[in-house]
Amino acid sequence: MMRAYILYLRKSIPVADSSLRVMTYNILADAFLESKTKPYTNFFPYCPKQFQERSYREPRIASEIHAHNPHIVCLQEVEGKTFANCLVPMLPDYSGHITVIKGKSKAGCALFYKTDEFEMMKYFKFPIT
């Protein structure tokens, strides 16, 4: 598996607002909600099933990101379908990249950055050991 690393250049910003907000969040991939082999086990029995549904979680994830207004967002346990169908459309002020672990889980890590603050200079990958 290769993990992507991206080099960014921060665009010019006013000196008065020189802070950098970074947010990291584990968004819980559907693949990790329950076991896929018998006996089927819900790994979060204390959480009502309706709150585990993607349709419930995805808008709240995007809302949380917007509420904190970070410059850079690092997300774990992101599935390709969540990245493409939810995160990219719900985060129009950001550009993002995902690296998905090959295998059964189909989840990985995603990184988003505000396009009015940063521009991508280089994109390269390193193996995860």
N, C-alpha and C. Protein backbone atom coordinates (compact mmCIF):
# COMPACT_ATOMS: atom_id res chain seq x y z
N MET A 1 0.85 -1.17 0.00
CA MET A 1 0.00 0.00 0.00
C MET A 1 0.88 1.22 0.00
N MET A 2 0.50 2.19 -0.74
CA MET A 2 1.24 3.44 -0.81
C MET A 2 0.41 4.55 -0.18
N ARG A 3 1.02 5.35 0.65
CA ARG A 3 0.34 6.50 1.23
C ARG A 3 0.79 7.73 0.46
N ALA A 4 -0.17 8.59 0.14
CA ALA A 4 0.14 9.79 -0.62
C ALA A 4 0.61 10.89 0.32
N TYR A 5 1.61 11.58 -0.10
CA TYR A 5 2.07 12.78 0.60
C TYR A 5 2.07 13.90 -0.41
N ILE A 6 1.56 15.02 -0.01
CA ILE A 6 1.40 16.12 -0.93
C ILE A 6 2.10 17.34 -0.34
N LEU A 7 2.89 18.00 -1.14
CA LEU A 7 3.58 19.21 -0.72
C LEU A 7 2.75 20.40 -1.15
N TYR A 8 2.43 21.27 -0.19
CA TYR A 8 1.60 22.43 -0.47
C TYR A 8 2.38 23.70 -0.22
N LEU A 9 2.02 24.72 -0.95
CA LEU A 9 2.56 26.04 -0.73
C LEU A 9 1.42 26.93 -0.28
N ARG A 10 1.56 27.55 0.88
CA ARG A 10 0.51 28.43 1.38
C ARG A 10 0.58 29.76 0.64
N LYS A 11 -0.57 30.16 0.14
CA LYS A 11 -0.66 31.42 -0.58
C LYS A 11 -0.51 32.57 0.40
N SER A 12 -0.28 33.75 -0.12
CA SER A 12 -0.11 34.95 0.71
C SER A 12 -1.35 35.21 1.55
N ILE A 13 -1.16 35.47 2.84
CA ILE A 13 -2.27 35.79 3.74
C ILE A 13 -1.90 37.00 4.57
N PRO A 14 -2.90 37.74 5.04
CA PRO A 14 -2.60 38.91 5.88
C PRO A 14 -1.87 38.51 7.15
N VAL A 15 -0.94 39.33 7.59
CA VAL A 15 -0.16 39.06 8.80
C VAL A 15 -1.07 38.92 10.02
N ALA A 16 -2.14 39.69 10.08
CA ALA A 16 -3.05 39.66 11.24
C ALA A 16 -3.71 38.29 11.40
N ASP A 17 -3.82 37.54 10.31
CA ASP A 17 -4.46 36.22 10.39
C ASP A 17 -3.47 35.15 9.92
N SER A 18 -2.40 35.01 10.65
CA SER A 18 -1.35 34.07 10.25
C SER A 18 -1.51 32.70 10.89
N SER A 19 -2.66 32.43 11.53
CA SER A 19 -2.87 31.13 12.16
C SER A 19 -3.17 30.07 11.09
N LEU A 20 -2.91 28.85 11.44
CA LEU A 20 -3.18 27.71 10.57
C LEU A 20 -4.04 26.73 11.34
N ARG A 21 -5.23 26.43 10.84
CA ARG A 21 -6.14 25.49 11.50
C ARG A 21 -6.08 24.16 10.77
N VAL A 22 -5.74 23.12 11.52
CA VAL A 22 -5.68 21.76 10.99
C VAL A 22 -6.68 20.92 11.78
N MET A 23 -7.47 20.15 11.07
CA MET A 23 -8.47 19.29 11.71
C MET A 23 -8.21 17.86 11.29
N THR A 24 -8.29 16.96 12.25
CA THR A 24 -8.18 15.54 11.92
C THR A 24 -9.37 14.83 12.54
N TYR A 25 -9.87 13.85 11.82
CA TYR A 25 -11.13 13.22 12.21
C TYR A 25 -11.16 11.79 11.69
N ASN A 26 -11.58 10.87 12.50
CA ASN A 26 -11.83 9.50 12.05
C ASN A 26 -13.32 9.41 11.76
N ILE A 27 -13.69 9.21 10.50
CA ILE A 27 -15.10 9.26 10.13
C ILE A 27 -15.77 7.89 10.12
N LEU A 28 -15.08 6.84 10.51
CA LEU A 28 -15.61 5.49 10.62
C LEU A 28 -16.16 4.95 9.31
N ALA A 29 -15.36 4.18 8.64
CA ALA A 29 -15.78 3.55 7.39
C ALA A 29 -16.88 2.53 7.66
N ASP A 30 -17.82 2.43 6.73
CA ASP A 30 -18.89 1.43 6.86
C ASP A 30 -18.32 0.03 7.04
N ALA A 31 -17.19 -0.22 6.42
CA ALA A 31 -16.58 -1.54 6.50
C ALA A 31 -16.23 -1.94 7.93
N PHE A 32 -16.11 -0.96 8.81
CA PHE A 32 -15.72 -1.25 10.19
C PHE A 32 -16.88 -1.19 11.18
N LEU A 33 -18.09 -1.05 10.67
CA LEU A 33 -19.26 -1.01 11.55
C LEU A 33 -19.63 -2.37 12.11
N GLU A 34 -19.47 -3.40 11.30
CA GLU A 34 -19.79 -4.75 11.77
C GLU A 34 -18.95 -5.76 11.03
N SER A 35 -18.85 -6.94 11.61
CA SER A 35 -18.05 -8.00 10.99
C SER A 35 -18.76 -8.49 9.74
N LYS A 36 -18.01 -8.93 8.78
CA LYS A 36 -18.57 -9.42 7.53
C LYS A 36 -18.62 -10.94 7.48
N THR A 37 -18.19 -11.57 8.55
CA THR A 37 -18.20 -13.03 8.61
C THR A 37 -19.06 -13.48 9.78
N LYS A 38 -19.55 -14.69 9.70
CA LYS A 38 -20.39 -15.23 10.78
C LYS A 38 -19.52 -15.55 11.98
N PRO A 39 -19.98 -15.32 13.18
CA PRO A 39 -21.24 -14.66 13.49
C PRO A 39 -21.10 -13.16 13.27
N TYR A 40 -22.10 -12.55 12.62
CA TYR A 40 -22.09 -11.12 12.36
C TYR A 40 -22.17 -10.37 13.68
N THR A 41 -21.29 -9.43 13.84
CA THR A 41 -21.20 -8.68 15.08
C THR A 41 -21.23 -7.18 14.79
N ASN A 42 -22.11 -6.46 15.45
CA ASN A 42 -22.12 -5.01 15.37
C ASN A 42 -21.09 -4.52 16.38
N PHE A 43 -20.07 -3.83 15.91
CA PHE A 43 -18.99 -3.39 16.80
C PHE A 43 -19.39 -2.19 17.65
N PHE A 44 -20.56 -1.60 17.38
CA PHE A 44 -21.03 -0.44 18.12
C PHE A 44 -22.46 -0.67 18.60
N PRO A 45 -22.69 -1.69 19.43
CA PRO A 45 -24.05 -2.01 19.85
C PRO A 45 -24.69 -0.93 20.71
N TYR A 46 -23.89 -0.09 21.34
CA TYR A 46 -24.39 0.97 22.20
C TYR A 46 -24.91 2.16 21.39
N CYS A 47 -24.62 2.19 20.10
CA CYS A 47 -25.04 3.29 19.24
C CYS A 47 -26.24 2.85 18.41
N PRO A 48 -27.37 3.55 18.51
CA PRO A 48 -28.54 3.17 17.73
C PRO A 48 -28.22 3.05 16.24
N LYS A 49 -28.80 2.06 15.60
CA LYS A 49 -28.51 1.74 14.20
C LYS A 49 -28.71 2.93 13.26
N GLN A 50 -29.76 3.76 13.50
CA GLN A 50 -30.01 4.88 12.59
C GLN A 50 -28.87 5.90 12.61
N PHE A 51 -28.14 5.98 13.72
CA PHE A 51 -27.01 6.90 13.81
C PHE A 51 -25.75 6.34 13.14
N GLN A 52 -25.76 5.07 12.84
CA GLN A 52 -24.64 4.44 12.15
C GLN A 52 -24.78 4.54 10.63
N GLU A 53 -25.95 4.88 10.16
CA GLU A 53 -26.20 4.96 8.73
C GLU A 53 -25.40 6.09 8.09
N ARG A 54 -24.89 5.80 6.92
CA ARG A 54 -24.10 6.79 6.17
C ARG A 54 -24.91 8.06 5.93
N SER A 55 -26.20 7.92 5.61
CA SER A 55 -27.04 9.09 5.33
C SER A 55 -27.19 10.00 6.55
N TYR A 56 -27.00 9.46 7.73
CA TYR A 56 -27.04 10.26 8.95
C TYR A 56 -25.67 10.90 9.22
N ARG A 57 -24.61 10.12 9.04
CA ARG A 57 -23.28 10.56 9.42
C ARG A 57 -22.65 11.56 8.44
N GLU A 58 -22.82 11.36 7.14
CA GLU A 58 -22.10 12.17 6.16
C GLU A 58 -22.41 13.66 6.25
N PRO A 59 -23.68 14.08 6.31
CA PRO A 59 -23.92 15.53 6.41
C PRO A 59 -23.36 16.13 7.70
N ARG A 60 -23.34 15.35 8.75
CA ARG A 60 -22.82 15.84 10.03
C ARG A 60 -21.30 15.98 10.00
N ILE A 61 -20.65 15.11 9.27
CA ILE A 61 -19.20 15.21 9.11
C ILE A 61 -18.87 16.51 8.37
N ALA A 62 -19.56 16.74 7.26
CA ALA A 62 -19.33 17.96 6.49
C ALA A 62 -19.67 19.20 7.32
N SER A 63 -20.75 19.14 8.08
CA SER A 63 -21.15 20.26 8.93
C SER A 63 -20.09 20.56 9.99
N GLU A 64 -19.52 19.52 10.55
CA GLU A 64 -18.47 19.68 11.56
C GLU A 64 -17.24 20.35 10.94
N ILE A 65 -16.90 19.94 9.75
CA ILE A 65 -15.75 20.55 9.06
C ILE A 65 -16.02 22.03 8.79
N HIS A 66 -17.21 22.33 8.27
CA HIS A 66 -17.56 23.73 7.99
C HIS A 66 -17.58 24.57 9.27
N ALA A 67 -18.05 23.99 10.37
CA ALA A 67 -18.15 24.73 11.63
C ALA A 67 -16.77 25.16 12.14
N HIS A 68 -15.76 24.33 11.93
CA HIS A 68 -14.42 24.64 12.42
C HIS A 68 -13.59 25.41 11.39
N ASN A 69 -14.02 25.37 10.13
CA ASN A 69 -13.37 26.12 9.06
C ASN A 69 -11.85 25.92 9.02
N PRO A 70 -11.39 24.67 9.01
CA PRO A 70 -9.94 24.45 9.00
C PRO A 70 -9.32 24.74 7.63
N HIS A 71 -8.04 25.04 7.65
CA HIS A 71 -7.30 25.22 6.40
C HIS A 71 -6.97 23.85 5.79
N ILE A 72 -6.66 22.90 6.66
CA ILE A 72 -6.30 21.55 6.23
C ILE A 72 -7.13 20.55 7.02
N VAL A 73 -7.67 19.54 6.33
CA VAL A 73 -8.48 18.50 6.97
C VAL A 73 -7.85 17.15 6.64
N CYS A 74 -7.56 16.37 7.68
CA CYS A 74 -7.02 15.03 7.52
C CYS A 74 -8.06 14.06 8.05
N LEU A 75 -8.50 13.13 7.22
CA LEU A 75 -9.55 12.19 7.61
C LEU A 75 -9.06 10.75 7.49
N GLN A 76 -9.44 9.95 8.47
CA GLN A 76 -9.10 8.54 8.46
C GLN A 76 -10.37 7.73 8.24
N GLU A 77 -10.19 6.48 7.80
CA GLU A 77 -11.27 5.54 7.53
C GLU A 77 -12.25 6.09 6.51
N VAL A 78 -11.72 6.66 5.45
CA VAL A 78 -12.52 7.21 4.37
C VAL A 78 -12.62 6.16 3.26
N GLU A 79 -13.83 5.85 2.86
CA GLU A 79 -14.03 4.94 1.73
C GLU A 79 -14.12 5.77 0.45
N GLY A 80 -13.75 5.16 -0.66
CA GLY A 80 -13.76 5.87 -1.94
C GLY A 80 -15.12 6.45 -2.27
N LYS A 81 -16.19 5.71 -1.99
CA LYS A 81 -17.53 6.21 -2.30
C LYS A 81 -17.90 7.40 -1.42
N THR A 82 -17.45 7.41 -0.17
CA THR A 82 -17.71 8.55 0.71
C THR A 82 -16.93 9.76 0.23
N PHE A 83 -15.70 9.54 -0.18
CA PHE A 83 -14.87 10.63 -0.69
C PHE A 83 -15.53 11.27 -1.91
N ALA A 84 -15.88 10.45 -2.90
CA ALA A 84 -16.40 10.96 -4.17
C ALA A 84 -17.83 11.48 -4.07
N ASN A 85 -18.69 10.78 -3.35
CA ASN A 85 -20.11 11.12 -3.34
C ASN A 85 -20.52 12.07 -2.24
N CYS A 86 -19.72 12.19 -1.20
CA CYS A 86 -20.09 13.04 -0.07
C CYS A 86 -19.10 14.17 0.14
N LEU A 87 -17.87 13.83 0.45
CA LEU A 87 -16.90 14.84 0.88
C LEU A 87 -16.56 15.86 -0.20
N VAL A 88 -16.25 15.39 -1.39
CA VAL A 88 -15.89 16.32 -2.47
C VAL A 88 -17.04 17.29 -2.77
N PRO A 89 -18.28 16.81 -2.98
CA PRO A 89 -19.37 17.75 -3.24
C PRO A 89 -19.72 18.66 -2.06
N MET A 90 -19.56 18.16 -0.83
CA MET A 90 -19.94 18.94 0.34
C MET A 90 -18.85 19.90 0.80
N LEU A 91 -17.67 19.80 0.21
CA LEU A 91 -16.56 20.68 0.58
C LEU A 91 -16.04 21.41 -0.65
N PRO A 92 -16.87 22.26 -1.27
CA PRO A 92 -16.47 22.89 -2.53
C PRO A 92 -15.30 23.87 -2.41
N ASP A 93 -15.01 24.37 -1.22
CA ASP A 93 -13.90 25.30 -1.04
C ASP A 93 -12.56 24.59 -0.84
N TYR A 94 -12.59 23.26 -0.88
CA TYR A 94 -11.41 22.45 -0.64
C TYR A 94 -11.08 21.60 -1.86
N SER A 95 -9.83 21.25 -1.97
CA SER A 95 -9.39 20.24 -2.92
C SER A 95 -8.91 19.07 -2.08
N GLY A 96 -9.17 17.86 -2.53
CA GLY A 96 -8.81 16.71 -1.71
C GLY A 96 -8.19 15.58 -2.48
N HIS A 97 -7.52 14.72 -1.75
CA HIS A 97 -6.87 13.54 -2.31
C HIS A 97 -7.11 12.40 -1.33
N ILE A 98 -7.25 11.20 -1.86
CA ILE A 98 -7.48 10.03 -1.02
C ILE A 98 -6.51 8.93 -1.41
N THR A 99 -6.08 8.19 -0.42
CA THR A 99 -5.32 6.97 -0.63
C THR A 99 -6.08 5.86 0.07
N VAL A 100 -6.52 4.88 -0.72
CA VAL A 100 -7.32 3.78 -0.19
C VAL A 100 -6.43 2.55 -0.05
N ILE A 101 -6.54 1.91 1.10
CA ILE A 101 -5.79 0.68 1.35
C ILE A 101 -6.38 -0.42 0.49
N LYS A 102 -5.55 -1.09 -0.24
CA LYS A 102 -6.02 -2.19 -1.09
C LYS A 102 -6.40 -3.37 -0.20
N GLY A 103 -7.45 -4.07 -0.58
CA GLY A 103 -7.87 -5.23 0.19
C GLY A 103 -9.35 -5.18 0.50
N LYS A 104 -9.73 -5.83 1.57
CA LYS A 104 -11.14 -5.98 1.89
C LYS A 104 -11.80 -4.71 2.38
N SER A 105 -11.11 -3.86 3.11
CA SER A 105 -11.76 -2.73 3.76
C SER A 105 -12.15 -1.61 2.81
N LYS A 106 -11.36 -1.35 1.79
CA LYS A 106 -11.60 -0.25 0.85
C LYS A 106 -11.64 1.12 1.52
N ALA A 107 -11.01 1.25 2.65
CA ALA A 107 -10.94 2.53 3.37
C ALA A 107 -9.50 3.01 3.40
N GLY A 108 -9.35 4.29 3.62
CA GLY A 108 -8.00 4.86 3.67
C GLY A 108 -8.01 6.22 4.30
N CYS A 109 -7.08 7.05 3.88
CA CYS A 109 -6.93 8.40 4.43
C CYS A 109 -7.16 9.43 3.33
N ALA A 110 -7.78 10.54 3.73
CA ALA A 110 -8.02 11.64 2.78
C ALA A 110 -7.46 12.92 3.39
N LEU A 111 -6.99 13.78 2.52
CA LEU A 111 -6.47 15.06 2.93
C LEU A 111 -7.10 16.13 2.05
N PHE A 112 -7.66 17.16 2.69
CA PHE A 112 -8.27 18.28 1.98
C PHE A 112 -7.54 19.56 2.38
N TYR A 113 -7.47 20.51 1.46
CA TYR A 113 -6.90 21.81 1.78
C TYR A 113 -7.74 22.89 1.11
N LYS A 114 -7.79 24.05 1.75
CA LYS A 114 -8.54 25.18 1.21
C LYS A 114 -7.81 25.72 -0.01
N THR A 115 -8.53 25.78 -1.11
CA THR A 115 -7.90 26.21 -2.36
C THR A 115 -7.60 27.70 -2.41
N ASP A 116 -8.26 28.49 -1.57
CA ASP A 116 -7.92 29.92 -1.55
C ASP A 116 -6.71 30.20 -0.66
N GLU A 117 -6.23 29.20 0.05
CA GLU A 117 -5.08 29.36 0.95
C GLU A 117 -3.84 28.62 0.45
N PHE A 118 -4.06 27.51 -0.27
CA PHE A 118 -2.94 26.65 -0.68
C PHE A 118 -3.07 26.28 -2.14
N GLU A 119 -1.93 25.95 -2.72
CA GLU A 119 -1.94 25.33 -4.03
C GLU A 119 -1.01 24.12 -3.98
N MET A 120 -1.38 23.06 -4.68
CA MET A 120 -0.56 21.86 -4.67
C MET A 120 0.69 22.10 -5.51
N MET A 121 1.82 21.80 -4.91
CA MET A 121 3.09 21.95 -5.62
C MET A 121 3.56 20.62 -6.18
N LYS A 122 3.35 19.56 -5.39
CA LYS A 122 3.85 18.26 -5.79
C LYS A 122 3.01 17.19 -5.11
N TYR A 123 2.83 16.08 -5.79
CA TYR A 123 2.08 14.95 -5.25
C TYR A 123 2.95 13.71 -5.42
N PHE A 124 3.21 13.01 -4.33
CA PHE A 124 4.01 11.80 -4.42
C PHE A 124 3.58 10.82 -3.34
N LYS A 125 3.96 9.55 -3.51
CA LYS A 125 3.52 8.50 -2.59
C LYS A 125 4.71 7.79 -1.96
N PHE A 126 4.47 7.33 -0.71
CA PHE A 126 5.44 6.52 0.01
C PHE A 126 4.75 5.24 0.47
N PRO A 127 5.47 4.15 0.51
CA PRO A 127 4.84 2.92 1.00
C PRO A 127 4.59 2.98 2.51
N ILE A 128 3.49 2.39 2.93
CA ILE A 128 3.20 2.27 4.37
C ILE A 128 3.79 0.95 4.82
N THR A 129 4.59 0.98 5.86
CA THR A 129 5.20 -0.26 6.34
C THR A 129 4.49 -0.77 7.55
